[in-house]
């Protein structure tokens, strides 16, 4: 009959052996993952640089916020994909699948919660691209009449005749503005 000391010694020896075997088996996957991350980093940097240069040719300095937003969103998606692929490479494919699903549901909830902000941003992109809506133009938006002082991604600023500044959400401006000829 084995004594408690022999049992403990055998258990510790078996545990150390299994741990060493697990570490030895994991080393190639971790190295593959690190090589993948390094290559992905280089590729993402190149893709984002090319994308930024291309968008800067399309959008003027006034619309640089649109290019910045697009490059940031593309970068986030690319890094998320790299993260999921890394988990798969190192042997955590089930975790990657669960994480991808969970993030999808979270993104759906966030997009619903931020729907007005997203609507403002999309309207801001349209306003920034609209050649008829420029800083310095005299416009009316509903009951507000003034000069366009700034066009941002989420809001636009108007200077009223009395010198006050009014800030309106772009979703309201984009659908209701009228250019004044005076």
C-alpha atoms as a PDB file:
ATOM      1  CA  UNK A   1       0.000   0.000   0.000  1.00  0.00           C
ATOM      2  CA  UNK A   2       1.348   3.404  -0.967  1.00  0.00           C
ATOM      3  CA  UNK A   3       1.922   5.945   1.698  1.00  0.00           C
ATOM      4  CA  UNK A   4       0.700   9.490   1.551  1.00  0.00           C
ATOM      5  CA  UNK A   5       4.238  10.685   0.819  1.00  0.00           C
ATOM      6  CA  UNK A   6       4.607   8.307  -2.139  1.00  0.00           C
ATOM      7  CA  UNK A   7       1.177   9.343  -3.455  1.00  0.00           C
ATOM      8  CA  UNK A   8       2.081  13.032  -3.179  1.00  0.00           C
ATOM      9  CA  UNK A   9       5.472  12.449  -4.819  1.00  0.00           C
ATOM     10  CA  UNK A  10       3.881  10.524  -7.705  1.00  0.00           C
ATOM     11  CA  UNK A  11       1.182  13.162  -8.179  1.00  0.00           C
ATOM     12  CA  UNK A  12       3.731  16.008  -8.243  1.00  0.00           C
ATOM     13  CA  UNK A  13       5.996  14.087 -10.644  1.00  0.00           C
ATOM     14  CA  UNK A  14       3.074  13.279 -12.959  1.00  0.00           C
ATOM     15  CA  UNK A  15       1.868  16.899 -12.868  1.00  0.00           C
ATOM     16  CA  UNK A  16       5.338  18.274 -13.683  1.00  0.00           C
ATOM     17  CA  UNK A  17       5.720  15.757 -16.524  1.00  0.00           C
ATOM     18  CA  UNK A  18       2.321  16.668 -17.991  1.00  0.00           C
ATOM     19  CA  UNK A  19       3.080  20.392 -17.641  1.00  0.00           C
ATOM     20  CA  UNK A  20       6.435  19.980 -19.410  1.00  0.00           C
ATOM     21  CA  UNK A  21       4.769  17.992 -22.194  1.00  0.00           C
ATOM     22  CA  UNK A  22       2.055  20.666 -22.546  1.00  0.00           C
ATOM     23  CA  UNK A  23       4.607  23.472 -22.701  1.00  0.00           C
ATOM     24  CA  UNK A  24       6.679  21.533 -25.227  1.00  0.00           C
ATOM     25  CA  UNK A  25       3.598  20.957 -27.392  1.00  0.00           C
ATOM     26  CA  UNK A  26       2.557  24.638 -27.129  1.00  0.00           C
ATOM     27  CA  UNK A  27       5.909  26.142 -28.149  1.00  0.00           C
ATOM     28  CA  UNK A  28       5.447  25.623 -31.930  1.00  0.00           C
ATOM     29  CA  UNK A  29       1.920  27.102 -31.806  1.00  0.00           C
ATOM     30  CA  UNK A  30       3.071  30.128 -29.800  1.00  0.00           C
ATOM     31  CA  UNK A  31       6.004  30.705 -32.166  1.00  0.00           C
ATOM     32  CA  UNK A  32       3.662  30.404 -35.151  1.00  0.00           C
ATOM     33  CA  UNK A  33       1.334  32.896 -33.471  1.00  0.00           C
ATOM     34  CA  UNK A  34       4.159  35.365 -32.838  1.00  0.00           C
ATOM     35  CA  UNK A  35       5.329  35.113 -36.450  1.00  0.00           C
ATOM     36  CA  UNK A  36       1.735  35.633 -37.590  1.00  0.00           C
ATOM     37  CA  UNK A  37       1.329  38.720 -35.359  1.00  0.00           C
ATOM     38  CA  UNK A  38       4.590  40.189 -36.696  1.00  0.00           C
ATOM     39  CA  UNK A  39       3.578  39.655 -40.330  1.00  0.00           C
ATOM     40  CA  UNK A  40       0.049  40.924 -39.644  1.00  0.00           C
ATOM     41  CA  UNK A  41       1.454  44.075 -38.001  1.00  0.00           C
ATOM     42  CA  UNK A  42       3.554  44.838 -41.075  1.00  0.00           C
ATOM     43  CA  UNK A  43       0.689  44.091 -43.470  1.00  0.00           C
ATOM     44  CA  UNK A  44      -1.826  46.195 -41.511  1.00  0.00           C
ATOM     45  CA  UNK A  45       0.579  49.136 -41.354  1.00  0.00           C
ATOM     46  CA  UNK A  46       1.080  48.983 -45.135  1.00  0.00           C
ATOM     47  CA  UNK A  47      -2.639  48.587 -45.894  1.00  0.00           C
ATOM     48  CA  UNK A  48      -3.620  51.471 -43.601  1.00  0.00           C
ATOM     49  CA  UNK A  49      -0.890  53.730 -45.033  1.00  0.00           C
ATOM     50  CA  UNK A  50      -2.037  53.011 -48.606  1.00  0.00           C
ATOM     51  CA  UNK A  51      -5.670  53.499 -47.593  1.00  0.00           C
ATOM     52  CA  UNK A  52      -4.879  56.809 -45.889  1.00  0.00           C
ATOM     53  CA  UNK A  53      -2.959  58.111 -48.915  1.00  0.00           C
ATOM     54  CA  UNK A  54      -5.776  57.060 -51.240  1.00  0.00           C
ATOM     55  CA  UNK A  55      -8.429  58.731 -49.091  1.00  0.00           C
ATOM     56  CA  UNK A  56      -6.365  61.908 -48.740  1.00  0.00           C
ATOM     57  CA  UNK A  57      -6.419  62.187 -52.545  1.00  0.00           C
ATOM     58  CA  UNK A  58     -10.199  61.797 -52.576  1.00  0.00           C
ATOM     59  CA  UNK A  59     -11.053  64.019 -49.602  1.00  0.00           C
ATOM     60  CA  UNK A  60      -9.889  67.587 -49.187  1.00  0.00           C
ATOM     61  CA  UNK A  61      -8.267  68.926 -46.030  1.00  0.00           C
ATOM     62  CA  UNK A  62     -11.713  70.031 -44.901  1.00  0.00           C
ATOM     63  CA  UNK A  63     -12.907  66.435 -45.100  1.00  0.00           C
ATOM     64  CA  UNK A  64      -9.850  64.833 -43.459  1.00  0.00           C
ATOM     65  CA  UNK A  65     -12.050  63.738 -40.555  1.00  0.00           C
ATOM     66  CA  UNK A  66     -13.852  61.370 -42.917  1.00  0.00           C
ATOM     67  CA  UNK A  67     -10.578  59.783 -44.000  1.00  0.00           C
ATOM     68  CA  UNK A  68      -9.407  59.489 -40.383  1.00  0.00           C
ATOM     69  CA  UNK A  69     -12.671  57.865 -39.335  1.00  0.00           C
ATOM     70  CA  UNK A  70     -12.603  55.367 -42.206  1.00  0.00           C
ATOM     71  CA  UNK A  71      -8.942  54.411 -41.591  1.00  0.00           C
ATOM     72  CA  UNK A  72      -9.628  53.958 -37.869  1.00  0.00           C
ATOM     73  CA  UNK A  73     -12.659  51.729 -38.472  1.00  0.00           C
ATOM     74  CA  UNK A  74     -10.772  49.599 -41.020  1.00  0.00           C
ATOM     75  CA  UNK A  75      -7.836  49.300 -38.607  1.00  0.00           C
ATOM     76  CA  UNK A  76     -10.089  48.162 -35.765  1.00  0.00           C
ATOM     77  CA  UNK A  77     -11.699  45.485 -37.949  1.00  0.00           C
ATOM     78  CA  UNK A  78      -8.328  44.280 -39.209  1.00  0.00           C
ATOM     79  CA  UNK A  79      -6.817  44.026 -35.715  1.00  0.00           C
ATOM     80  CA  UNK A  80      -9.896  42.232 -34.422  1.00  0.00           C
ATOM     81  CA  UNK A  81      -9.583  39.688 -37.225  1.00  0.00           C
ATOM     82  CA  UNK A  82      -5.876  39.265 -36.467  1.00  0.00           C
ATOM     83  CA  UNK A  83      -6.680  38.712 -32.799  1.00  0.00           C
ATOM     84  CA  UNK A  84      -9.212  35.999 -33.605  1.00  0.00           C
ATOM     85  CA  UNK A  85      -6.821  34.335 -36.065  1.00  0.00           C
ATOM     86  CA  UNK A  86      -4.035  34.443 -33.450  1.00  0.00           C
ATOM     87  CA  UNK A  87      -6.262  32.683 -30.935  1.00  0.00           C
ATOM     88  CA  UNK A  88      -7.024  30.013 -33.543  1.00  0.00           C
ATOM     89  CA  UNK A  89      -3.323  29.551 -34.362  1.00  0.00           C
ATOM     90  CA  UNK A  90      -2.321  29.059 -30.725  1.00  0.00           C
ATOM     91  CA  UNK A  91      -5.030  26.454 -30.271  1.00  0.00           C
ATOM     92  CA  UNK A  92      -7.824  28.511 -28.769  1.00  0.00           C
ATOM     93  CA  UNK A  93     -10.233  28.277 -31.705  1.00  0.00           C
ATOM     94  CA  UNK A  94     -13.268  27.714 -29.482  1.00  0.00           C
ATOM     95  CA  UNK A  95     -12.430  30.865 -27.528  1.00  0.00           C
ATOM     96  CA  UNK A  96     -11.996  32.793 -30.798  1.00  0.00           C
ATOM     97  CA  UNK A  97     -15.407  31.633 -32.036  1.00  0.00           C
ATOM     98  CA  UNK A  98     -17.084  32.531 -28.742  1.00  0.00           C
ATOM     99  CA  UNK A  99     -15.342  35.901 -28.626  1.00  0.00           C
ATOM    100  CA  UNK A 100     -16.327  36.677 -32.214  1.00  0.00           C
ATOM    101  CA  UNK A 101     -19.959  35.869 -31.500  1.00  0.00           C
ATOM    102  CA  UNK A 102     -20.010  37.842 -28.261  1.00  0.00           C
ATOM    103  CA  UNK A 103     -18.414  40.882 -29.878  1.00  0.00           C
ATOM    104  CA  UNK A 104     -20.980  40.694 -32.687  1.00  0.00           C
ATOM    105  CA  UNK A 105     -23.834  40.877 -30.201  1.00  0.00           C
ATOM    106  CA  UNK A 106     -22.124  43.659 -28.245  1.00  0.00           C
ATOM    107  CA  UNK A 107     -21.540  45.626 -31.464  1.00  0.00           C
ATOM    108  CA  UNK A 108     -25.197  45.205 -32.381  1.00  0.00           C
ATOM    109  CA  UNK A 109     -26.252  46.590 -28.993  1.00  0.00           C
ATOM    110  CA  UNK A 110     -23.784  49.459 -29.168  1.00  0.00           C
ATOM    111  CA  UNK A 111     -24.855  50.389 -32.694  1.00  0.00           C
ATOM    112  CA  UNK A 112     -28.477  50.468 -31.565  1.00  0.00           C
ATOM    113  CA  UNK A 113     -27.590  52.598 -28.536  1.00  0.00           C
ATOM    114  CA  UNK A 114     -25.488  54.938 -30.661  1.00  0.00           C
ATOM    115  CA  UNK A 115     -27.838  55.051 -33.646  1.00  0.00           C
ATOM    116  CA  UNK A 116     -28.320  58.821 -33.417  1.00  0.00           C
ATOM    117  CA  UNK A 117     -24.564  59.381 -33.184  1.00  0.00           C
ATOM    118  CA  UNK A 118     -24.047  57.153 -36.209  1.00  0.00           C
ATOM    119  CA  UNK A 119     -26.813  59.031 -38.039  1.00  0.00           C
ATOM    120  CA  UNK A 120     -25.087  62.337 -37.187  1.00  0.00           C
ATOM    121  CA  UNK A 121     -21.768  61.015 -38.476  1.00  0.00           C
ATOM    122  CA  UNK A 122     -23.209  59.769 -41.757  1.00  0.00           C
ATOM    123  CA  UNK A 123     -25.042  63.088 -42.239  1.00  0.00           C
ATOM    124  CA  UNK A 124     -21.771  64.892 -41.405  1.00  0.00           C
ATOM    125  CA  UNK A 125     -19.985  62.991 -44.166  1.00  0.00           C
ATOM    126  CA  UNK A 126     -22.707  64.050 -46.620  1.00  0.00           C
ATOM    127  CA  UNK A 127     -22.513  67.676 -45.473  1.00  0.00           C
ATOM    128  CA  UNK A 128     -18.724  67.710 -45.763  1.00  0.00           C
ATOM    129  CA  UNK A 129     -18.967  66.363 -49.321  1.00  0.00           C
ATOM    130  CA  UNK A 130     -21.792  68.730 -50.357  1.00  0.00           C
ATOM    131  CA  UNK A 131     -20.347  71.594 -52.455  1.00  0.00           C
ATOM    132  CA  UNK A 132     -23.471  73.675 -51.779  1.00  0.00           C
ATOM    133  CA  UNK A 133     -22.965  73.612 -47.987  1.00  0.00           C
ATOM    134  CA  UNK A 134     -19.719  75.398 -47.123  1.00  0.00           C
ATOM    135  CA  UNK A 135     -18.314  77.346 -44.188  1.00  0.00           C
ATOM    136  CA  UNK A 136     -19.345  80.978 -44.689  1.00  0.00           C
ATOM    137  CA  UNK A 137     -22.643  80.161 -46.423  1.00  0.00           C
ATOM    138  CA  UNK A 138     -25.790  81.778 -45.112  1.00  0.00           C
ATOM    139  CA  UNK A 139     -28.404  79.083 -44.444  1.00  0.00           C
ATOM    140  CA  UNK A 140     -31.554  78.393 -42.500  1.00  0.00           C
ATOM    141  CA  UNK A 141     -32.237  75.147 -40.677  1.00  0.00           C
ATOM    142  CA  UNK A 142     -35.798  75.047 -39.411  1.00  0.00           C
ATOM    143  CA  UNK A 143     -36.211  78.197 -37.320  1.00  0.00           C
ATOM    144  CA  UNK A 144     -32.433  78.883 -37.115  1.00  0.00           C
ATOM    145  CA  UNK A 145     -30.917  81.245 -39.648  1.00  0.00           C
ATOM    146  CA  UNK A 146     -27.229  82.040 -39.668  1.00  0.00           C
ATOM    147  CA  UNK A 147     -23.814  81.621 -41.246  1.00  0.00           C
ATOM    148  CA  UNK A 148     -22.126  78.220 -41.284  1.00  0.00           C
ATOM    149  CA  UNK A 149     -19.170  78.569 -38.906  1.00  0.00           C
ATOM    150  CA  UNK A 150     -17.965  74.937 -38.812  1.00  0.00           C
ATOM    151  CA  UNK A 151     -18.925  71.546 -40.174  1.00  0.00           C
ATOM    152  CA  UNK A 152     -17.805  68.614 -38.048  1.00  0.00           C
ATOM    153  CA  UNK A 153     -18.605  64.927 -38.263  1.00  0.00           C
ATOM    154  CA  UNK A 154     -21.396  64.995 -35.677  1.00  0.00           C
ATOM    155  CA  UNK A 155     -22.512  68.621 -35.518  1.00  0.00           C
ATOM    156  CA  UNK A 156     -22.467  71.914 -37.356  1.00  0.00           C
ATOM    157  CA  UNK A 157     -22.019  75.374 -35.859  1.00  0.00           C
ATOM    158  CA  UNK A 158     -23.867  78.460 -37.031  1.00  0.00           C
ATOM    159  CA  UNK A 159     -23.224  82.093 -36.189  1.00  0.00           C
ATOM    160  CA  UNK A 160     -26.470  84.021 -35.793  1.00  0.00           C
ATOM    161  CA  UNK A 161     -26.956  87.694 -36.719  1.00  0.00           C
ATOM    162  CA  UNK A 162     -26.621  88.738 -33.060  1.00  0.00           C
ATOM    163  CA  UNK A 163     -23.222  86.998 -32.828  1.00  0.00           C
ATOM    164  CA  UNK A 164     -24.441  83.971 -30.856  1.00  0.00           C
ATOM    165  CA  UNK A 165     -23.377  80.487 -31.934  1.00  0.00           C
ATOM    166  CA  UNK A 166     -25.915  77.690 -32.357  1.00  0.00           C
ATOM    167  CA  UNK A 167     -24.848  74.062 -32.596  1.00  0.00           C
ATOM    168  CA  UNK A 168     -27.116  71.582 -34.370  1.00  0.00           C
ATOM    169  CA  UNK A 169     -26.894  67.845 -34.899  1.00  0.00           C
ATOM    170  CA  UNK A 170     -25.956  67.001 -38.476  1.00  0.00           C
ATOM    171  CA  UNK A 171     -28.954  64.669 -38.873  1.00  0.00           C
ATOM    172  CA  UNK A 172     -31.186  67.725 -38.360  1.00  0.00           C
ATOM    173  CA  UNK A 173     -29.113  69.993 -40.598  1.00  0.00           C
ATOM    174  CA  UNK A 174     -28.710  67.569 -43.518  1.00  0.00           C
ATOM    175  CA  UNK A 175     -32.419  67.020 -43.964  1.00  0.00           C
ATOM    176  CA  UNK A 176     -33.667  70.587 -43.356  1.00  0.00           C
ATOM    177  CA  UNK A 177     -31.145  73.180 -44.538  1.00  0.00           C
ATOM    178  CA  UNK A 178     -31.872  75.848 -47.111  1.00  0.00           C
ATOM    179  CA  UNK A 179     -29.252  78.148 -48.600  1.00  0.00           C
ATOM    180  CA  UNK A 180     -30.057  81.860 -48.380  1.00  0.00           C
ATOM    181  CA  UNK A 181     -29.123  84.143 -51.252  1.00  0.00           C
ATOM    182  CA  UNK A 182     -28.868  87.412 -49.308  1.00  0.00           C
END
